[in-house]
Amino acid sequence: MTSSPSSATATPAAHPLVVRTRRLAADLLAPAAERVDQEGVPASHIEAVKRSGLLGVGAPVEYGGSATPAAVVRETAEILAGACCSTWFVQTQHHTPVKLLTASGGPVRERLLRPLATGELLSGIAFAHVRAFPRVPVRAIAERGGWRFEGTVPWCTGWGLNDVVLLAGVTDAAEVVFAFCEAREQPGLAASEPMRLAALSAARTVSLRLDGLWLPEDSVVLRTPQEDFAHFDRPRNTNASPAVFGVASAALGLVEDVPEAAGAARALRARLDAVREDAYALADHPVPHERIEERLALKTRSYDLMRAATTAALVAGGGRAMALESRAQRLAREGLFLLVQGQTAEVRRAHLAHLGD
């Protein structure tokens, strides 16, 4: 689903995709979020996301995407995460594979980019383990005109909802090989039972056991030295996440509904808006690898405000907030999850140092 030329210059709040996302959140995601939290993200939610055009936000227009400005992408992510963090987490996996395909020139681009951009297919990811280097949980071995993968993928979200998954392994020469495979059990690939987690169990996260999974060369989207992957990956993880602002804002919405909490809500909202503005200004900086310390400082401040907002929602809700069907309690657990989602050693060190100040 593509945007009109004029919509690309609209403010984020007025952009057609943002308007559509707000409607999806209000009509479907938020009303069902507590049930989904307990029962799992249903296929119907993913079908609605596919129809919305959200899966093509970063894809080229010529492939059926909308090449949406970064500010609009962030706004839609905030809305989704604030409405149903589990649904947001499943669909957010999709955008990195689309980004890699957009930048690639191999045959897999022509096979997969259009169906991923239009929402015909949903992609998962299975490469967070590459950040553990020099430990190598999954090895990639060149074999028979393709690649054999051996090891264990600790985390793969959206299993049973994804159509394809972007897998990565590391060679003996410290090269990372990214390749697509069908998201199903097959020779050389077995999935665990869905994990029971303190938050976002609904997102259907499994581990994958790879025992000689072979993928052809034309399934490969990228081969790159591990050092180059780390350099590419660093800005994504040092910038504050829109999901953090989305969950914090949703929690403050609950606080604002309690008259005696209005003053606290106003103060927290003002602080959240200020950090959000600064964090997004840095995210838009033309040199993504500059001002890393400042990015990390804003990221940890966003965590502080999310914790304060979700705590305020719990306090304002009183004993009712301890019920599993409580929105405040769900948002608080989702906030805990976001503290470690996509965490790298660098982010962990910065966050712990901040907490110890």
Protein backbone atom coordinates (compact mmCIF):
# COMPACT_ATOMS: atom_id res chain seq x y z
CA MET A 1 0.00 0.00 0.00
CA THR A 2 1.67 3.24 -1.09
CA SER A 3 1.42 6.81 0.10
CA SER A 4 0.46 9.70 -2.11
CA PRO A 5 3.32 12.14 -2.89
CA SER A 6 1.74 14.85 -0.74
CA SER A 7 1.41 12.56 2.27
CA ALA A 8 5.17 12.10 2.49
CA THR A 9 5.56 15.72 3.58
CA ALA A 10 2.69 15.68 6.08
CA THR A 11 3.38 15.94 9.82
CA PRO A 12 3.62 12.49 11.43
CA ALA A 13 0.28 12.80 13.26
CA ALA A 14 -1.56 13.66 10.02
CA HIS A 15 0.16 11.10 7.80
CA PRO A 16 -2.37 8.62 6.33
CA LEU A 17 -0.42 5.64 7.66
CA VAL A 18 -0.43 7.10 11.18
CA VAL A 19 -4.17 7.77 10.95
CA ARG A 20 -4.69 4.18 9.80
CA THR A 21 -2.49 2.86 12.62
CA ARG A 22 -4.42 4.81 15.26
CA ARG A 23 -7.64 3.33 13.94
CA LEU A 24 -6.19 -0.19 14.01
CA ALA A 25 -4.97 0.36 17.57
CA ALA A 26 -8.24 1.82 18.83
CA ASP A 27 -10.60 -0.59 17.08
CA LEU A 28 -8.72 -3.89 17.40
CA LEU A 29 -5.40 -3.96 19.25
CA ALA A 30 -6.00 -2.04 22.48
CA PRO A 31 -9.44 -3.54 23.28
CA ALA A 32 -8.02 -7.07 22.95
CA ALA A 33 -4.58 -6.46 24.49
CA GLU A 34 -5.22 -8.04 27.91
CA ARG A 35 -6.74 -11.14 26.34
CA VAL A 36 -3.89 -11.37 23.80
CA ASP A 37 -1.37 -11.01 26.64
CA GLN A 38 -2.75 -14.21 28.18
CA GLU A 39 -3.70 -16.19 25.07
CA GLY A 40 -1.19 -15.17 22.40
CA VAL A 41 -1.16 -12.95 19.33
CA PRO A 42 -3.84 -14.32 17.00
CA ALA A 43 -3.38 -14.72 13.28
CA SER A 44 -6.25 -12.26 12.80
CA HIS A 45 -4.14 -9.48 14.36
CA ILE A 46 -1.31 -10.21 11.94
CA GLU A 47 -3.70 -10.27 8.99
CA ALA A 48 -4.97 -6.84 10.05
CA VAL A 49 -1.40 -5.54 10.25
CA LYS A 50 -0.68 -6.97 6.80
CA ARG A 51 -3.74 -5.24 5.33
CA SER A 52 -2.84 -1.93 6.97
CA GLY A 53 0.28 -1.31 4.89
CA LEU A 54 2.49 -1.18 7.99
CA LEU A 55 4.77 -3.97 6.80
CA GLY A 56 5.90 -1.84 3.87
CA VAL A 57 6.70 1.38 5.75
CA GLY A 58 10.40 1.23 4.90
CA ALA A 59 10.19 -0.54 1.55
CA PRO A 60 10.61 1.14 -1.86
CA VAL A 61 7.45 2.36 -3.56
CA GLU A 62 8.34 0.45 -6.73
CA TYR A 63 8.10 -2.79 -4.75
CA GLY A 64 4.75 -1.94 -3.18
CA GLY A 65 6.04 -0.21 -0.06
CA SER A 66 5.57 3.37 1.06
CA ALA A 67 9.19 4.53 1.75
CA THR A 68 7.77 6.40 4.73
CA PRO A 69 9.81 9.11 6.53
CA ALA A 70 11.53 8.01 9.73
CA ALA A 71 9.35 10.25 11.89
CA VAL A 72 6.23 8.49 10.61
CA VAL A 73 7.78 5.06 11.14
CA ARG A 74 8.55 5.97 14.75
CA GLU A 75 5.04 7.31 15.30
CA THR A 76 3.41 4.10 14.05
CA ALA A 77 5.74 2.03 16.25
CA GLU A 78 4.77 4.06 19.32
CA ILE A 79 1.08 3.60 18.60
CA LEU A 80 1.37 -0.16 18.09
CA ALA A 81 3.54 -0.72 21.17
CA GLY A 82 1.25 1.37 23.36
CA ALA A 83 -1.82 -0.49 22.15
CA CYS A 84 -0.52 -4.09 22.18
CA CYS A 85 3.20 -4.55 22.72
CA SER A 86 3.05 -8.24 21.78
CA THR A 87 1.62 -7.48 18.34
CA TRP A 88 4.13 -4.67 17.90
CA PHE A 89 6.99 -7.02 18.78
CA VAL A 90 5.94 -9.67 16.27
CA GLN A 91 5.63 -7.21 13.39
CA THR A 92 8.74 -5.18 14.25
CA GLN A 93 10.91 -8.21 13.44
CA HIS A 94 9.81 -7.80 9.82
CA HIS A 95 11.43 -4.44 9.15
CA THR A 96 15.12 -5.40 9.32
CA PRO A 97 14.76 -8.12 6.67
CA VAL A 98 12.98 -5.58 4.45
CA LYS A 99 15.79 -3.08 5.03
CA LEU A 100 18.46 -5.64 4.12
CA LEU A 101 16.58 -6.73 1.01
CA THR A 102 16.15 -3.12 -0.08
CA ALA A 103 19.92 -2.61 0.12
CA SER A 104 20.77 -5.91 -1.60
CA GLY A 105 21.09 -6.79 -5.25
CA GLY A 106 20.81 -10.57 -5.19
CA PRO A 107 18.11 -12.85 -6.54
CA VAL A 108 16.44 -13.15 -3.13
CA ARG A 109 15.52 -9.45 -3.38
CA GLU A 110 13.43 -10.02 -6.49
CA ARG A 111 11.79 -13.07 -4.96
CA LEU A 112 10.89 -11.69 -1.53
CA LEU A 113 10.97 -7.89 -1.37
CA ARG A 114 7.60 -7.29 -3.04
CA PRO A 115 5.61 -9.87 -1.04
CA LEU A 116 7.22 -8.61 2.18
CA ALA A 117 6.60 -4.96 1.28
CA THR A 118 2.95 -5.47 0.36
CA GLY A 119 2.17 -7.58 3.42
CA GLU A 120 1.60 -10.79 1.53
CA LEU A 121 4.32 -12.33 3.71
CA LEU A 122 5.58 -11.65 7.24
CA SER A 123 9.24 -12.17 8.10
CA GLY A 124 10.76 -13.06 11.42
CA ILE A 125 14.41 -12.80 12.41
CA ALA A 126 16.85 -15.26 13.96
CA PHE A 127 20.13 -13.42 14.27
CA ALA A 128 20.31 -11.65 17.65
CA HIS A 129 22.82 -14.31 18.70
CA VAL A 130 25.39 -12.78 16.34
CA ARG A 131 25.80 -10.02 18.94
CA ALA A 132 27.34 -12.64 21.27
CA PHE A 133 30.53 -12.78 19.14
CA PRO A 134 33.23 -14.07 19.73
CA ARG A 135 30.91 -16.75 21.08
CA VAL A 136 29.25 -18.35 18.03
CA PRO A 137 25.91 -20.06 18.83
CA VAL A 138 25.24 -20.73 15.12
CA ARG A 139 27.88 -21.61 12.57
CA ALA A 140 27.54 -21.21 8.80
CA ILE A 141 29.51 -23.65 6.64
CA ALA A 142 29.77 -23.37 2.85
CA GLU A 143 28.52 -26.59 1.28
CA ARG A 144 27.10 -27.80 -2.07
CA GLY A 145 26.38 -24.41 -3.62
CA GLY A 146 24.81 -23.11 -0.44
CA TRP A 147 25.24 -22.95 3.32
CA ARG A 148 24.78 -25.38 6.16
CA PHE A 149 23.78 -23.98 9.56
CA GLU A 150 24.62 -25.68 12.86
CA GLY A 151 23.79 -24.59 16.40
CA THR A 152 20.99 -23.07 18.45
CA VAL A 153 19.14 -19.81 17.85
CA PRO A 154 18.14 -18.73 21.39
CA TRP A 155 15.30 -16.42 20.32
CA CYS A 156 12.95 -16.39 17.36
CA THR A 157 9.72 -14.42 17.81
CA GLY A 158 6.47 -14.89 15.92
CA TRP A 159 6.83 -18.62 15.29
CA GLY A 160 3.62 -19.89 13.78
CA LEU A 161 2.78 -16.40 12.50
CA ASN A 162 5.83 -15.72 10.32
CA ASP A 163 5.97 -16.94 6.74
CA VAL A 164 9.76 -16.69 6.40
CA VAL A 165 12.62 -16.06 8.80
CA LEU A 166 15.97 -14.33 8.28
CA LEU A 167 18.64 -16.55 9.80
CA ALA A 168 22.30 -15.77 10.44
CA GLY A 169 25.36 -17.82 11.19
CA VAL A 170 29.07 -17.02 11.49
CA THR A 171 31.79 -18.70 9.46
CA ASP A 172 35.20 -19.80 10.69
CA ALA A 173 36.55 -16.63 9.03
CA ALA A 174 34.23 -14.45 11.20
CA GLU A 175 31.93 -13.63 8.31
CA VAL A 176 28.19 -13.34 9.04
CA VAL A 177 25.90 -15.05 6.52
CA PHE A 178 22.27 -13.90 6.43
CA ALA A 179 19.83 -16.15 4.57
CA PHE A 180 16.06 -16.61 4.35
CA CYS A 181 14.26 -19.85 5.02
CA GLU A 182 10.65 -20.87 5.39
CA ALA A 183 9.40 -20.40 8.95
CA ARG A 184 8.46 -24.02 9.59
CA GLU A 185 10.02 -27.18 10.91
CA GLN A 186 11.97 -28.95 8.18
CA PRO A 187 15.01 -31.21 7.84
CA GLY A 188 17.74 -29.63 9.95
CA LEU A 189 15.41 -27.17 11.74
CA ALA A 190 13.34 -27.88 14.86
CA ALA A 191 11.57 -25.36 17.09
CA SER A 192 11.08 -25.52 20.84
CA GLU A 193 7.75 -25.07 22.51
CA PRO A 194 6.81 -21.37 22.87
CA MET A 195 8.62 -19.84 25.83
CA ARG A 196 6.77 -18.79 28.96
CA LEU A 197 8.18 -15.37 29.79
CA ALA A 198 7.38 -12.77 32.43
CA ALA A 199 6.12 -10.54 29.62
CA LEU A 200 5.32 -10.98 25.93
CA SER A 201 4.83 -14.73 26.04
CA ALA A 202 2.04 -13.83 23.62
CA ALA A 203 4.61 -13.03 20.93
CA ARG A 204 5.28 -16.76 20.38
CA THR A 205 9.04 -16.79 20.97
CA VAL A 206 10.87 -20.10 20.48
CA SER A 207 14.43 -21.32 20.20
CA LEU A 208 15.52 -23.04 17.00
CA ARG A 209 17.75 -26.09 16.86
CA LEU A 210 19.75 -26.17 13.63
CA ASP A 211 21.20 -29.56 12.83
CA GLY A 212 22.58 -29.33 9.31
CA LEU A 213 19.93 -26.98 7.87
CA TRP A 214 20.99 -26.38 4.28
CA LEU A 215 19.97 -23.25 2.37
CA PRO A 216 20.88 -22.49 -1.25
CA GLU A 217 23.14 -19.60 -2.20
CA ASP A 218 20.22 -17.73 -3.75
CA SER A 219 18.58 -17.48 -0.33
CA VAL A 220 21.48 -15.36 0.96
CA VAL A 221 20.76 -11.65 1.31
CA LEU A 222 24.07 -10.55 2.86
CA ARG A 223 27.55 -11.77 3.70
CA THR A 224 29.61 -9.37 5.78
CA PRO A 225 32.53 -9.44 8.22
CA GLN A 226 31.36 -9.63 11.82
CA GLU A 227 33.04 -6.30 12.58
CA ASP A 228 31.01 -4.63 9.82
CA PHE A 229 27.80 -6.14 11.18
CA ALA A 230 28.58 -4.79 14.64
CA HIS A 231 29.24 -1.35 13.15
CA PHE A 232 25.92 -1.45 11.25
CA ASP A 233 24.04 -2.77 14.29
CA ARG A 234 25.38 -0.27 16.84
CA PRO A 235 23.23 2.81 16.08
CA ARG A 236 20.01 0.79 16.23
CA ASN A 237 20.75 -0.32 19.76
CA THR A 238 22.16 2.91 21.14
CA ASN A 239 19.13 4.97 20.09
CA ALA A 240 16.03 5.10 22.31
CA SER A 241 13.26 2.78 21.13
CA PRO A 242 9.90 4.21 20.01
CA ALA A 243 8.27 1.28 21.81
CA VAL A 244 9.55 2.64 25.12
CA PHE A 245 7.83 5.96 24.46
CA GLY A 246 4.69 4.16 23.30
CA VAL A 247 4.36 2.05 26.46
CA ALA A 248 5.20 5.03 28.69
CA SER A 249 2.61 7.21 26.96
CA ALA A 250 -0.07 4.52 27.26
CA ALA A 251 0.68 4.18 30.97
CA LEU A 252 0.43 7.94 31.45
CA GLY A 253 -2.94 7.84 29.73
CA LEU A 254 -4.15 5.65 32.60
CA VAL A 255 -2.66 8.00 35.20
CA GLU A 256 -4.31 10.99 33.58
CA ASP A 257 -7.70 9.35 34.11
CA VAL A 258 -7.25 9.48 37.92
CA PRO A 259 -8.03 12.99 39.24
CA GLU A 260 -5.62 12.90 42.21
CA ALA A 261 -2.79 11.80 39.91
CA ALA A 262 -3.21 14.63 37.38
CA GLY A 263 -0.23 16.63 38.66
CA ALA A 264 2.14 13.66 38.49
CA ALA A 265 0.85 12.78 35.03
CA ARG A 266 1.48 16.30 33.71
CA ALA A 267 5.01 16.39 35.09
CA LEU A 268 5.91 12.97 33.72
CA ARG A 269 4.34 13.76 30.34
CA ALA A 270 6.42 16.94 30.00
CA ARG A 271 9.64 15.08 30.87
CA LEU A 272 8.80 12.23 28.50
CA ASP A 273 8.08 14.63 25.64
CA ALA A 274 11.39 16.42 26.18
CA VAL A 275 13.46 13.23 26.16
CA ARG A 276 11.53 11.94 23.16
CA GLU A 277 12.26 15.13 21.20
CA ASP A 278 15.98 14.99 21.98
CA ALA A 279 16.25 11.25 21.29
CA TYR A 280 14.54 11.51 17.91
CA ALA A 281 16.66 14.50 16.93
CA LEU A 282 19.75 12.36 17.51
CA ALA A 283 18.20 9.41 15.67
CA ASP A 284 17.85 11.72 12.65
CA HIS A 285 21.46 12.92 12.91
CA PRO A 286 23.11 12.48 9.49
CA VAL A 287 26.05 10.54 10.96
CA PRO A 288 24.55 7.58 12.85
CA HIS A 289 27.79 6.60 14.60
CA GLU A 290 28.42 9.99 16.19
CA ARG A 291 27.41 11.15 19.68
CA ILE A 292 27.04 7.59 20.96
CA GLU A 293 27.41 8.56 24.63
CA GLU A 294 24.64 11.13 24.26
CA ARG A 295 22.41 8.58 22.56
CA LEU A 296 22.98 6.09 25.37
CA ALA A 297 22.25 8.74 27.99
CA LEU A 298 18.91 9.53 26.35
CA LYS A 299 18.12 5.86 26.02
CA THR A 300 18.65 5.26 29.74
CA ARG A 301 16.60 8.38 30.59
CA SER A 302 13.77 7.04 28.44
CA TYR A 303 13.92 3.83 30.49
CA ASP A 304 13.71 5.86 33.71
CA LEU A 305 10.60 7.66 32.49
CA MET A 306 8.97 4.47 31.25
CA ARG A 307 9.49 2.86 34.65
CA ALA A 308 8.13 5.97 36.38
CA ALA A 309 5.09 6.07 34.10
CA THR A 310 4.23 2.38 34.49
CA THR A 311 4.81 2.59 38.25
CA ALA A 312 2.50 5.59 38.42
CA ALA A 313 -0.15 3.62 36.53
CA LEU A 314 0.15 0.78 39.05
CA VAL A 315 -0.06 3.13 42.03
CA ALA A 316 -3.02 4.99 40.54
CA GLY A 317 -4.78 1.69 39.88
CA GLY A 318 -4.33 0.41 43.42
CA GLY A 319 -4.99 -3.24 44.22
CA ARG A 320 -6.93 -3.70 40.98
CA ALA A 321 -3.65 -3.29 39.11
CA MET A 322 -2.44 -6.66 40.37
CA ALA A 323 -5.08 -8.53 38.38
CA LEU A 324 -3.84 -10.16 35.20
CA GLU A 325 -6.57 -8.40 33.26
CA SER A 326 -5.30 -4.99 34.45
CA ARG A 327 -3.94 -2.76 31.71
CA ALA A 328 -1.56 -1.06 34.14
CA GLN A 329 -0.07 -4.37 35.21
CA ARG A 330 0.36 -5.52 31.59
CA LEU A 331 2.09 -2.26 30.64
CA ALA A 332 4.43 -2.56 33.63
CA ARG A 333 5.49 -6.05 32.57
CA GLU A 334 5.92 -4.92 28.97
CA GLY A 335 8.12 -2.11 30.25
CA LEU A 336 10.34 -4.66 32.00
CA PHE A 337 10.66 -6.56 28.75
CA LEU A 338 11.69 -3.44 26.84
CA LEU A 339 14.57 -2.87 29.27
CA VAL A 340 16.35 -5.90 27.80
CA GLN A 341 14.88 -6.13 24.28
CA GLY A 342 17.71 -5.91 21.74
CA GLN A 343 20.19 -5.32 24.54
CA THR A 344 23.90 -5.31 23.75
CA ALA A 345 26.83 -5.39 26.17
CA GLU A 346 27.43 -1.68 25.50
CA VAL A 347 23.83 -0.76 26.32
CA ARG A 348 23.84 -2.95 29.43
CA ARG A 349 27.05 -1.30 30.74
CA ALA A 350 25.67 2.19 30.13
CA HIS A 351 22.34 1.37 31.78
CA LEU A 352 23.94 -0.23 34.85
CA ALA A 353 26.36 2.67 35.22
CA HIS A 354 23.42 5.08 35.08
CA LEU A 355 21.51 3.11 37.69
CA GLY A 356 24.54 3.19 39.97
CA ASP A 357 25.00 6.97 39.79
